[in-house]
Amino acid sequence: AGGKGGDTPRAWKNVLLVISHPDDEAMFFGPTIQTIHSQGAQTHVLCLSNGDADGAGAVRAKELEKVARYLNIRSLTLLDDPRLKDGFGETWDEA
């Protein structure tokens, strides 16, 4: 960062937070999201999976929607791409 004035958090208008699965936004980034909002910026979240490692993906997706409302997240996109499947024994193709 640094440079032309727009590189500081106070100048940001929108912030995209990319997370692996539901609950990351609350467990790891709750204070960050609150700080972003206190500086006047909007937060947008892209979640790469529904967190179905234990078979509760649908429940976790609903919980993510509720948390997004609670944290005043402007937009939420939840991907459910089979190439990004969440699971303890899953491996992803390197290509």
N, C-alpha and C. Protein backbone atom coordinates (compact mmCIF):
# COMPACT_ATOMS: atom_id res chain seq x y z
N ALA A 1 0.84 -1.19 0.00
CA ALA A 1 0.00 0.00 0.00
C ALA A 1 0.88 1.24 0.00
N GLY A 2 0.24 2.35 0.03
CA GLY A 2 0.95 3.61 -0.05
C GLY A 2 0.74 4.21 -1.41
N GLY A 3 1.20 5.41 -1.60
CA GLY A 3 1.10 5.97 -2.94
C GLY A 3 0.11 7.10 -3.03
N LYS A 4 -0.94 6.93 -3.78
CA LYS A 4 -1.79 8.02 -4.23
C LYS A 4 -3.04 8.28 -3.40
N GLY A 5 -3.04 8.08 -2.15
CA GLY A 5 -4.17 8.45 -1.31
C GLY A 5 -5.32 7.45 -1.32
N GLY A 6 -5.59 6.79 -2.44
CA GLY A 6 -6.66 5.82 -2.52
C GLY A 6 -6.26 4.46 -2.00
N ASP A 7 -5.03 4.34 -1.56
CA ASP A 7 -4.52 3.05 -1.11
C ASP A 7 -4.71 2.83 0.38
N THR A 8 -5.33 3.74 1.07
CA THR A 8 -5.52 3.60 2.51
C THR A 8 -6.94 3.13 2.80
N PRO A 9 -7.14 2.37 3.88
CA PRO A 9 -8.49 1.88 4.19
C PRO A 9 -9.55 2.97 4.26
N ARG A 10 -9.20 4.16 4.68
CA ARG A 10 -10.20 5.24 4.76
C ARG A 10 -10.72 5.64 3.38
N ALA A 11 -9.95 5.39 2.33
CA ALA A 11 -10.36 5.75 0.98
C ALA A 11 -11.10 4.61 0.27
N TRP A 12 -11.08 3.42 0.84
CA TRP A 12 -11.73 2.28 0.20
C TRP A 12 -13.24 2.43 0.26
N LYS A 13 -13.91 2.08 -0.82
CA LYS A 13 -15.38 2.10 -0.86
C LYS A 13 -15.97 0.70 -0.78
N ASN A 14 -15.24 -0.27 -1.34
CA ASN A 14 -15.69 -1.66 -1.37
C ASN A 14 -14.51 -2.58 -1.09
N VAL A 15 -14.78 -3.63 -0.31
CA VAL A 15 -13.75 -4.61 0.00
C VAL A 15 -14.34 -5.99 -0.27
N LEU A 16 -13.60 -6.80 -1.04
CA LEU A 16 -14.02 -8.18 -1.31
C LEU A 16 -13.22 -9.11 -0.41
N LEU A 17 -13.93 -9.89 0.36
CA LEU A 17 -13.33 -10.89 1.24
C LEU A 17 -13.60 -12.26 0.64
N VAL A 18 -12.55 -13.00 0.32
CA VAL A 18 -12.68 -14.33 -0.26
C VAL A 18 -12.37 -15.35 0.84
N ILE A 19 -13.34 -16.23 1.11
CA ILE A 19 -13.18 -17.22 2.17
C ILE A 19 -13.36 -18.62 1.60
N SER A 20 -12.82 -19.61 2.31
CA SER A 20 -12.88 -21.00 1.85
C SER A 20 -14.26 -21.63 2.06
N HIS A 21 -14.83 -21.40 3.22
CA HIS A 21 -16.12 -22.01 3.53
C HIS A 21 -16.82 -21.23 4.62
N PRO A 22 -18.13 -21.48 4.79
CA PRO A 22 -18.89 -20.77 5.81
C PRO A 22 -18.25 -20.93 7.19
N ASP A 23 -18.28 -19.92 7.93
CA ASP A 23 -17.81 -19.67 9.30
C ASP A 23 -16.48 -18.94 9.31
N ASP A 24 -15.74 -18.95 8.19
CA ASP A 24 -14.47 -18.21 8.15
C ASP A 24 -14.69 -16.72 8.36
N GLU A 25 -15.79 -16.19 7.80
CA GLU A 25 -16.07 -14.76 7.93
C GLU A 25 -16.21 -14.35 9.39
N ALA A 26 -16.81 -15.21 10.20
CA ALA A 26 -17.01 -14.89 11.61
C ALA A 26 -15.80 -15.28 12.47
N MET A 27 -15.25 -16.47 12.23
CA MET A 27 -14.14 -16.96 13.06
C MET A 27 -12.86 -16.15 12.87
N PHE A 28 -12.59 -15.73 11.64
CA PHE A 28 -11.31 -15.10 11.36
C PHE A 28 -11.40 -13.62 10.99
N PHE A 29 -12.55 -13.16 10.49
CA PHE A 29 -12.60 -11.82 9.93
C PHE A 29 -13.66 -10.90 10.52
N GLY A 30 -14.35 -11.32 11.56
CA GLY A 30 -15.38 -10.47 12.17
C GLY A 30 -14.86 -9.09 12.54
N PRO A 31 -13.76 -8.98 13.30
CA PRO A 31 -13.23 -7.66 13.65
C PRO A 31 -12.78 -6.86 12.42
N THR A 32 -12.24 -7.55 11.42
CA THR A 32 -11.83 -6.87 10.20
C THR A 32 -13.03 -6.27 9.48
N ILE A 33 -14.11 -7.03 9.38
CA ILE A 33 -15.33 -6.54 8.74
C ILE A 33 -15.87 -5.33 9.48
N GLN A 34 -15.88 -5.39 10.81
CA GLN A 34 -16.36 -4.26 11.60
C GLN A 34 -15.49 -3.02 11.37
N THR A 35 -14.20 -3.21 11.28
CA THR A 35 -13.30 -2.08 11.04
C THR A 35 -13.52 -1.50 9.65
N ILE A 36 -13.69 -2.35 8.66
CA ILE A 36 -13.97 -1.88 7.30
C ILE A 36 -15.23 -1.01 7.30
N HIS A 37 -16.26 -1.47 7.98
CA HIS A 37 -17.51 -0.70 8.04
C HIS A 37 -17.32 0.61 8.80
N SER A 38 -16.53 0.58 9.85
CA SER A 38 -16.32 1.82 10.63
C SER A 38 -15.58 2.88 9.81
N GLN A 39 -14.87 2.44 8.76
CA GLN A 39 -14.16 3.36 7.88
C GLN A 39 -15.03 3.80 6.70
N GLY A 40 -16.27 3.30 6.65
CA GLY A 40 -17.22 3.73 5.63
C GLY A 40 -17.25 2.89 4.37
N ALA A 41 -16.59 1.76 4.36
CA ALA A 41 -16.58 0.91 3.16
C ALA A 41 -17.64 -0.19 3.26
N GLN A 42 -18.01 -0.72 2.12
CA GLN A 42 -18.93 -1.86 2.03
C GLN A 42 -18.11 -3.14 1.95
N THR A 43 -18.62 -4.22 2.54
CA THR A 43 -17.94 -5.51 2.48
C THR A 43 -18.75 -6.46 1.60
N HIS A 44 -18.05 -7.16 0.73
CA HIS A 44 -18.63 -8.18 -0.14
C HIS A 44 -17.87 -9.47 0.14
N VAL A 45 -18.58 -10.60 0.16
CA VAL A 45 -17.95 -11.88 0.49
C VAL A 45 -18.17 -12.87 -0.66
N LEU A 46 -17.09 -13.53 -1.04
CA LEU A 46 -17.12 -14.65 -1.98
C LEU A 46 -16.67 -15.87 -1.20
N CYS A 47 -17.57 -16.85 -1.07
CA CYS A 47 -17.28 -18.09 -0.34
C CYS A 47 -17.12 -19.20 -1.37
N LEU A 48 -15.99 -19.90 -1.33
CA LEU A 48 -15.65 -20.85 -2.37
C LEU A 48 -16.29 -22.23 -2.26
N SER A 49 -16.89 -22.56 -1.12
CA SER A 49 -17.60 -23.83 -0.99
C SER A 49 -18.68 -23.69 0.07
N ASN A 50 -19.58 -24.67 0.11
CA ASN A 50 -20.63 -24.60 1.13
C ASN A 50 -20.21 -25.29 2.43
N GLY A 51 -18.97 -25.76 2.49
CA GLY A 51 -18.47 -26.35 3.73
C GLY A 51 -19.10 -27.69 4.06
N ASP A 52 -19.29 -28.52 3.05
CA ASP A 52 -20.02 -29.77 3.22
C ASP A 52 -19.15 -30.94 3.66
N ALA A 53 -18.01 -30.68 4.29
CA ALA A 53 -17.10 -31.75 4.69
C ALA A 53 -17.77 -32.76 5.61
N ASP A 54 -18.68 -32.31 6.44
CA ASP A 54 -19.35 -33.21 7.39
C ASP A 54 -20.80 -33.48 7.02
N GLY A 55 -21.18 -33.14 5.78
CA GLY A 55 -22.55 -33.39 5.32
C GLY A 55 -23.55 -32.31 5.70
N ALA A 56 -23.08 -31.21 6.27
CA ALA A 56 -23.99 -30.15 6.72
C ALA A 56 -23.89 -28.90 5.86
N GLY A 57 -23.56 -29.07 4.58
CA GLY A 57 -23.36 -27.93 3.70
C GLY A 57 -24.57 -27.02 3.59
N ALA A 58 -25.76 -27.59 3.49
CA ALA A 58 -26.98 -26.78 3.36
C ALA A 58 -27.20 -25.94 4.63
N VAL A 59 -26.97 -26.55 5.78
CA VAL A 59 -27.12 -25.83 7.05
C VAL A 59 -26.10 -24.71 7.15
N ARG A 60 -24.86 -25.02 6.80
CA ARG A 60 -23.79 -24.01 6.88
C ARG A 60 -24.04 -22.86 5.91
N ALA A 61 -24.60 -23.15 4.75
CA ALA A 61 -24.92 -22.10 3.78
C ALA A 61 -25.97 -21.14 4.36
N LYS A 62 -26.98 -21.69 5.02
CA LYS A 62 -28.02 -20.86 5.66
C LYS A 62 -27.42 -20.03 6.80
N GLU A 63 -26.54 -20.64 7.57
CA GLU A 63 -25.88 -19.90 8.65
C GLU A 63 -25.05 -18.74 8.09
N LEU A 64 -24.37 -18.99 6.97
CA LEU A 64 -23.59 -17.92 6.34
C LEU A 64 -24.48 -16.76 5.93
N GLU A 65 -25.64 -17.05 5.38
CA GLU A 65 -26.58 -15.98 5.01
C GLU A 65 -27.00 -15.17 6.23
N LYS A 66 -27.28 -15.84 7.33
CA LYS A 66 -27.68 -15.13 8.56
C LYS A 66 -26.55 -14.25 9.09
N VAL A 67 -25.34 -14.79 9.10
CA VAL A 67 -24.19 -14.03 9.59
C VAL A 67 -23.93 -12.83 8.67
N ALA A 68 -24.10 -13.02 7.37
CA ALA A 68 -23.90 -11.92 6.43
C ALA A 68 -24.86 -10.77 6.74
N ARG A 69 -26.10 -11.11 7.05
CA ARG A 69 -27.07 -10.05 7.43
C ARG A 69 -26.63 -9.39 8.75
N TYR A 70 -26.23 -10.20 9.72
CA TYR A 70 -25.83 -9.67 11.02
C TYR A 70 -24.62 -8.75 10.90
N LEU A 71 -23.66 -9.11 10.05
CA LEU A 71 -22.45 -8.31 9.89
C LEU A 71 -22.60 -7.20 8.84
N ASN A 72 -23.81 -7.04 8.32
CA ASN A 72 -24.09 -6.00 7.32
C ASN A 72 -23.21 -6.14 6.07
N ILE A 73 -23.02 -7.37 5.64
CA ILE A 73 -22.27 -7.62 4.41
C ILE A 73 -23.16 -7.24 3.24
N ARG A 74 -22.63 -6.41 2.36
CA ARG A 74 -23.42 -5.86 1.25
C ARG A 74 -23.85 -6.94 0.25
N SER A 75 -22.94 -7.83 -0.12
CA SER A 75 -23.30 -8.91 -1.04
C SER A 75 -22.55 -10.18 -0.66
N LEU A 76 -23.20 -11.28 -0.93
CA LEU A 76 -22.65 -12.60 -0.60
C LEU A 76 -22.84 -13.50 -1.81
N THR A 77 -21.76 -14.14 -2.24
CA THR A 77 -21.82 -15.13 -3.31
C THR A 77 -21.22 -16.42 -2.76
N LEU A 78 -22.01 -17.47 -2.83
CA LEU A 78 -21.56 -18.79 -2.36
C LEU A 78 -21.46 -19.71 -3.57
N LEU A 79 -20.25 -20.15 -3.87
CA LEU A 79 -20.04 -21.09 -4.97
C LEU A 79 -20.27 -22.50 -4.46
N ASP A 80 -20.79 -23.34 -5.31
CA ASP A 80 -20.93 -24.75 -4.99
C ASP A 80 -20.41 -25.54 -6.19
N ASP A 81 -19.15 -25.31 -6.50
CA ASP A 81 -18.49 -25.88 -7.67
C ASP A 81 -17.88 -27.23 -7.27
N PRO A 82 -18.20 -28.31 -7.97
CA PRO A 82 -17.66 -29.62 -7.61
C PRO A 82 -16.13 -29.68 -7.67
N ARG A 83 -15.51 -28.78 -8.42
CA ARG A 83 -14.04 -28.76 -8.48
C ARG A 83 -13.43 -28.21 -7.19
N LEU A 84 -14.24 -27.54 -6.36
CA LEU A 84 -13.78 -26.97 -5.10
C LEU A 84 -14.45 -27.65 -3.91
N LYS A 85 -14.76 -28.90 -4.05
CA LYS A 85 -15.48 -29.64 -3.02
C LYS A 85 -14.72 -29.63 -1.70
N ASP A 86 -15.46 -29.38 -0.63
CA ASP A 86 -14.88 -29.34 0.71
C ASP A 86 -15.02 -30.72 1.33
N GLY A 87 -13.94 -31.23 1.88
CA GLY A 87 -13.99 -32.53 2.54
C GLY A 87 -12.63 -32.89 3.08
N PHE A 88 -12.61 -33.68 4.11
CA PHE A 88 -11.37 -34.02 4.78
C PHE A 88 -10.45 -34.87 3.91
N GLY A 89 -11.00 -35.65 2.98
CA GLY A 89 -10.19 -36.49 2.13
C GLY A 89 -10.13 -36.01 0.68
N GLU A 90 -10.66 -34.83 0.42
CA GLU A 90 -10.71 -34.31 -0.96
C GLU A 90 -9.35 -33.84 -1.43
N THR A 91 -9.08 -34.07 -2.70
CA THR A 91 -7.90 -33.50 -3.35
C THR A 91 -8.37 -32.75 -4.58
N TRP A 92 -7.70 -31.66 -4.88
CA TRP A 92 -8.08 -30.84 -6.02
C TRP A 92 -7.08 -31.03 -7.14
N ASP A 93 -7.59 -31.03 -8.37
CA ASP A 93 -6.76 -31.14 -9.55
C ASP A 93 -5.88 -29.89 -9.64
N GLU A 94 -4.62 -30.07 -9.90
CA GLU A 94 -3.68 -28.94 -9.97
C GLU A 94 -3.85 -28.12 -11.23
N ALA A 95 -4.53 -28.63 -12.22
CA ALA A 95 -4.66 -27.91 -13.50
C ALA A 95 -5.51 -26.68 -13.40
